[in-house]
């Protein structure tokens, strides 16, 4: 009986998946605004890596005049695959200035 219980336990544990904590949506990041040019919004993340985004609609905040260069924002965007004709990494959904 112990053998049967041991085999059942081993099978049950091996088939179960580990529960990992779920991170917040990976498409929400704190980014520093670097400028706007040619339809693209340029940001950099905390590791100083460039993040190039575009917007399908007019943003709540007007970043096109480049008055907010160097300021930090919480940006939610829908990631997309880069193509040869577009350097955008995603489309901005929401943007909020960090105080």
N, C-alpha and C. Protein backbone atom coordinates (compact mmCIF):
# COMPACT_ATOMS: atom_id res chain seq x y z
N UNK A 1 0.81 -1.19 0.00
CA UNK A 1 0.00 0.00 0.00
C UNK A 1 0.87 1.27 0.00
N UNK A 2 1.98 1.22 0.77
CA UNK A 2 2.88 2.37 0.80
C UNK A 2 3.47 2.61 -0.59
N UNK A 3 3.78 1.55 -1.28
CA UNK A 3 4.36 1.67 -2.61
C UNK A 3 3.36 2.33 -3.56
N UNK A 4 2.12 1.90 -3.49
CA UNK A 4 1.08 2.48 -4.33
C UNK A 4 0.89 3.98 -4.02
N UNK A 5 0.89 4.31 -2.76
CA UNK A 5 0.75 5.71 -2.35
C UNK A 5 1.96 6.53 -2.81
N UNK A 6 3.15 5.97 -2.71
CA UNK A 6 4.37 6.65 -3.15
C UNK A 6 4.34 6.89 -4.66
N UNK A 7 3.95 5.88 -5.42
CA UNK A 7 3.89 6.01 -6.88
C UNK A 7 2.86 7.07 -7.27
N UNK A 8 1.70 7.02 -6.63
CA UNK A 8 0.65 8.01 -6.91
C UNK A 8 1.14 9.42 -6.58
N UNK A 9 1.83 9.59 -5.48
CA UNK A 9 2.35 10.91 -5.08
C UNK A 9 3.39 11.42 -6.07
N UNK A 10 4.27 10.55 -6.50
CA UNK A 10 5.31 10.93 -7.46
C UNK A 10 4.69 11.36 -8.77
N UNK A 11 3.72 10.60 -9.25
CA UNK A 11 3.07 10.94 -10.52
C UNK A 11 2.31 12.26 -10.39
N UNK A 12 1.60 12.43 -9.31
CA UNK A 12 0.84 13.67 -9.10
C UNK A 12 1.76 14.88 -9.03
N UNK A 13 2.84 14.77 -8.30
CA UNK A 13 3.76 15.90 -8.17
C UNK A 13 4.50 16.20 -9.47
N UNK A 14 4.81 15.17 -10.23
CA UNK A 14 5.55 15.40 -11.47
C UNK A 14 4.66 16.01 -12.55
N UNK A 15 3.37 15.78 -12.49
CA UNK A 15 2.46 16.33 -13.49
C UNK A 15 1.94 17.72 -13.13
N UNK A 16 2.09 18.10 -11.89
CA UNK A 16 1.60 19.43 -11.50
C UNK A 16 2.61 20.49 -11.92
N UNK A 17 2.11 21.68 -12.17
CA UNK A 17 2.99 22.78 -12.56
C UNK A 17 3.22 23.67 -11.35
N UNK A 18 4.38 24.25 -11.32
CA UNK A 18 4.71 25.16 -10.22
C UNK A 18 3.93 26.46 -10.40
N UNK A 19 3.46 27.00 -9.33
CA UNK A 19 2.74 28.26 -9.38
C UNK A 19 3.76 29.37 -9.19
N UNK A 20 3.93 30.17 -10.23
CA UNK A 20 4.87 31.27 -10.18
C UNK A 20 4.11 32.57 -10.00
N UNK A 21 4.66 33.49 -9.25
CA UNK A 21 3.97 34.77 -9.11
C UNK A 21 3.91 35.48 -10.46
N UNK A 22 2.76 36.03 -10.75
CA UNK A 22 2.57 36.71 -12.02
C UNK A 22 2.98 38.16 -11.87
N UNK A 23 3.86 38.60 -12.76
CA UNK A 23 4.27 40.00 -12.78
C UNK A 23 3.15 40.86 -13.33
N UNK A 24 3.22 42.14 -13.07
CA UNK A 24 2.29 43.05 -13.73
C UNK A 24 2.53 42.95 -15.23
N UNK A 25 1.61 43.50 -15.97
CA UNK A 25 1.72 43.46 -17.43
C UNK A 25 3.10 43.95 -17.86
N UNK A 26 3.85 43.13 -18.60
CA UNK A 26 5.21 43.53 -18.98
C UNK A 26 5.24 44.72 -19.93
N UNK A 27 4.09 45.09 -20.47
CA UNK A 27 4.07 46.21 -21.39
C UNK A 27 3.90 47.55 -20.68
N UNK A 28 3.89 47.54 -19.34
CA UNK A 28 3.84 48.79 -18.58
C UNK A 28 5.23 49.04 -18.00
N UNK A 29 5.83 50.15 -18.41
CA UNK A 29 7.19 50.45 -17.97
C UNK A 29 7.31 51.91 -17.58
N UNK A 30 8.29 52.18 -16.72
CA UNK A 30 8.65 53.55 -16.41
C UNK A 30 9.76 53.94 -17.38
N UNK A 31 9.48 54.92 -18.22
CA UNK A 31 10.41 55.31 -19.28
C UNK A 31 10.69 56.81 -19.22
N UNK A 32 11.88 57.18 -19.68
CA UNK A 32 12.26 58.59 -19.78
C UNK A 32 12.07 59.03 -21.22
N UNK A 33 11.37 60.14 -21.41
CA UNK A 33 11.08 60.64 -22.76
C UNK A 33 12.33 61.29 -23.35
N UNK A 34 12.69 60.85 -24.55
CA UNK A 34 13.88 61.38 -25.22
C UNK A 34 13.54 62.27 -26.41
N UNK A 35 12.31 62.20 -26.92
CA UNK A 35 11.93 63.07 -28.02
C UNK A 35 10.92 62.42 -28.95
N UNK A 36 10.43 63.25 -29.88
CA UNK A 36 9.47 62.82 -30.89
C UNK A 36 10.01 63.24 -32.25
N UNK A 37 9.97 62.32 -33.20
CA UNK A 37 10.42 62.66 -34.55
C UNK A 37 9.86 61.64 -35.53
N UNK A 38 9.34 62.14 -36.64
CA UNK A 38 8.90 61.28 -37.73
C UNK A 38 7.80 60.30 -37.36
N UNK A 39 6.93 60.67 -36.43
CA UNK A 39 5.83 59.78 -36.05
C UNK A 39 6.18 58.79 -34.96
N UNK A 40 7.39 58.84 -34.45
CA UNK A 40 7.83 57.92 -33.41
C UNK A 40 8.16 58.67 -32.12
N UNK A 41 7.79 58.06 -31.00
CA UNK A 41 8.13 58.58 -29.67
C UNK A 41 9.33 57.79 -29.16
N UNK A 42 10.38 58.49 -28.80
CA UNK A 42 11.61 57.84 -28.34
C UNK A 42 11.71 57.95 -26.82
N UNK A 43 11.90 56.81 -26.19
CA UNK A 43 12.06 56.72 -24.74
C UNK A 43 13.31 55.91 -24.44
N UNK A 44 13.76 55.96 -23.19
CA UNK A 44 14.80 55.05 -22.72
C UNK A 44 14.34 54.48 -21.39
N UNK A 45 14.69 53.22 -21.16
CA UNK A 45 14.28 52.57 -19.92
C UNK A 45 15.34 52.76 -18.85
N UNK A 46 15.17 52.11 -17.70
CA UNK A 46 16.10 52.28 -16.58
C UNK A 46 17.50 51.79 -16.91
N UNK A 47 17.62 50.87 -17.88
CA UNK A 47 18.92 50.36 -18.29
C UNK A 47 19.50 51.16 -19.46
N UNK A 48 18.90 52.32 -19.73
CA UNK A 48 19.32 53.22 -20.81
C UNK A 48 19.24 52.57 -22.18
N UNK A 49 18.31 51.64 -22.36
CA UNK A 49 18.07 51.04 -23.66
C UNK A 49 16.93 51.79 -24.34
N UNK A 50 17.07 52.01 -25.63
CA UNK A 50 16.06 52.76 -26.38
C UNK A 50 14.78 51.96 -26.53
N UNK A 51 13.67 52.66 -26.38
CA UNK A 51 12.34 52.09 -26.60
C UNK A 51 11.64 53.03 -27.57
N UNK A 52 11.33 52.54 -28.76
CA UNK A 52 10.70 53.35 -29.80
C UNK A 52 9.24 52.92 -29.92
N UNK A 53 8.34 53.89 -29.75
CA UNK A 53 6.91 53.60 -29.77
C UNK A 53 6.19 54.54 -30.73
N UNK A 54 4.98 54.13 -31.13
CA UNK A 54 4.14 54.99 -31.94
C UNK A 54 2.75 55.03 -31.32
N UNK A 55 1.91 55.90 -31.84
CA UNK A 55 0.56 56.03 -31.30
C UNK A 55 -0.44 56.07 -32.45
N UNK A 56 -1.54 55.31 -32.30
CA UNK A 56 -2.59 55.31 -33.31
C UNK A 56 -3.52 56.50 -33.16
N UNK A 57 -3.56 57.08 -31.97
CA UNK A 57 -4.46 58.20 -31.71
C UNK A 57 -3.69 59.32 -31.03
N UNK A 58 -4.35 60.44 -30.87
CA UNK A 58 -3.73 61.58 -30.20
C UNK A 58 -3.57 61.26 -28.72
N UNK A 59 -2.40 61.46 -28.18
CA UNK A 59 -2.14 61.18 -26.77
C UNK A 59 -2.75 62.25 -25.89
N UNK A 60 -3.04 61.86 -24.65
CA UNK A 60 -3.57 62.80 -23.68
C UNK A 60 -2.56 63.92 -23.45
N UNK A 61 -1.29 63.55 -23.42
CA UNK A 61 -0.23 64.53 -23.23
C UNK A 61 0.40 64.82 -24.59
N UNK A 62 0.62 66.08 -24.89
CA UNK A 62 1.23 66.45 -26.16
C UNK A 62 2.75 66.38 -26.03
N UNK A 63 3.32 65.32 -26.55
CA UNK A 63 4.77 65.15 -26.49
C UNK A 63 5.45 65.54 -27.80
N UNK A 64 4.66 65.87 -28.81
CA UNK A 64 5.23 66.16 -30.13
C UNK A 64 6.09 67.42 -30.14
N UNK A 65 5.85 68.35 -29.21
CA UNK A 65 6.63 69.59 -29.20
C UNK A 65 7.95 69.44 -28.44
N UNK A 66 8.21 68.24 -27.90
CA UNK A 66 9.47 67.92 -27.21
C UNK A 66 9.73 68.77 -25.97
N UNK A 67 8.69 69.32 -25.35
CA UNK A 67 8.86 70.10 -24.11
C UNK A 67 9.12 69.21 -22.90
N UNK A 68 8.80 67.93 -23.00
CA UNK A 68 8.92 67.02 -21.85
C UNK A 68 10.15 66.12 -21.93
N UNK A 69 11.13 66.49 -22.72
CA UNK A 69 12.35 65.68 -22.85
C UNK A 69 13.03 65.58 -21.49
N UNK A 70 13.40 64.36 -21.12
CA UNK A 70 14.07 64.11 -19.85
C UNK A 70 13.13 63.78 -18.70
N UNK A 71 11.83 63.91 -18.91
CA UNK A 71 10.87 63.61 -17.85
C UNK A 71 10.47 62.14 -17.91
N UNK A 72 10.07 61.61 -16.75
CA UNK A 72 9.71 60.20 -16.65
C UNK A 72 8.21 60.00 -16.75
N UNK A 73 7.84 58.90 -17.43
CA UNK A 73 6.44 58.57 -17.63
C UNK A 73 6.23 57.09 -17.37
N UNK A 74 5.01 56.76 -16.95
CA UNK A 74 4.59 55.36 -16.89
C UNK A 74 3.84 55.12 -18.19
N UNK A 75 4.39 54.25 -19.03
CA UNK A 75 3.85 54.03 -20.37
C UNK A 75 3.33 52.61 -20.49
N UNK A 76 2.07 52.48 -20.88
CA UNK A 76 1.50 51.17 -21.19
C UNK A 76 1.41 51.08 -22.70
N UNK A 77 1.99 50.03 -23.25
CA UNK A 77 1.95 49.88 -24.70
C UNK A 77 1.76 48.43 -25.09
N UNK A 78 1.23 48.25 -26.28
CA UNK A 78 1.02 46.92 -26.82
C UNK A 78 2.24 46.56 -27.67
N UNK A 79 3.05 45.61 -27.20
CA UNK A 79 4.26 45.25 -27.95
C UNK A 79 3.91 44.66 -29.32
N UNK A 80 4.79 44.89 -30.28
CA UNK A 80 4.60 44.29 -31.59
C UNK A 80 5.96 43.94 -32.17
N UNK A 81 5.95 43.02 -33.09
CA UNK A 81 7.19 42.59 -33.74
C UNK A 81 7.68 43.69 -34.67
N UNK A 82 8.98 43.91 -34.66
CA UNK A 82 9.55 44.91 -35.55
C UNK A 82 9.65 44.35 -36.96
N UNK A 83 9.42 45.21 -37.94
CA UNK A 83 9.53 44.83 -39.34
C UNK A 83 10.65 45.64 -39.98
N UNK A 84 10.93 45.34 -41.24
CA UNK A 84 11.98 46.08 -41.95
C UNK A 84 11.58 47.53 -42.19
N UNK A 85 10.28 47.78 -42.29
CA UNK A 85 9.81 49.13 -42.61
C UNK A 85 9.47 49.96 -41.38
N UNK A 86 9.41 49.35 -40.21
CA UNK A 86 9.05 50.08 -38.99
C UNK A 86 10.02 49.74 -37.87
N UNK A 87 10.45 50.75 -37.16
CA UNK A 87 11.36 50.50 -36.04
C UNK A 87 10.63 50.55 -34.71
N UNK A 88 9.31 50.67 -34.75
CA UNK A 88 8.51 50.77 -33.53
C UNK A 88 8.45 49.43 -32.81
N UNK A 89 8.54 49.50 -31.48
CA UNK A 89 8.46 48.30 -30.65
C UNK A 89 7.05 48.08 -30.12
N UNK A 90 6.15 49.04 -30.36
CA UNK A 90 4.79 48.88 -29.88
C UNK A 90 3.98 50.14 -30.07
N UNK A 91 2.70 50.04 -29.71
CA UNK A 91 1.77 51.15 -29.83
C UNK A 91 1.35 51.61 -28.43
N UNK A 92 1.49 52.89 -28.18
CA UNK A 92 1.15 53.44 -26.86
C UNK A 92 -0.35 53.33 -26.62
N UNK A 93 -0.70 52.77 -25.46
CA UNK A 93 -2.11 52.70 -25.05
C UNK A 93 -2.43 53.82 -24.07
N UNK A 94 -1.62 53.94 -23.02
CA UNK A 94 -1.80 55.03 -22.06
C UNK A 94 -0.44 55.55 -21.63
N UNK A 95 -0.43 56.80 -21.22
CA UNK A 95 0.82 57.40 -20.74
C UNK A 95 0.47 58.33 -19.58
N UNK A 96 1.29 58.26 -18.52
CA UNK A 96 1.03 59.07 -17.33
C UNK A 96 2.37 59.59 -16.82
N UNK A 97 2.43 60.88 -16.55
CA UNK A 97 3.66 61.49 -16.05
C UNK A 97 3.88 61.07 -14.60
N UNK A 98 5.12 60.73 -14.28
CA UNK A 98 5.50 60.36 -12.92
C UNK A 98 6.00 61.62 -12.22
N UNK A 99 5.46 61.89 -11.05
CA UNK A 99 5.82 63.12 -10.34
C UNK A 99 7.09 62.96 -9.56
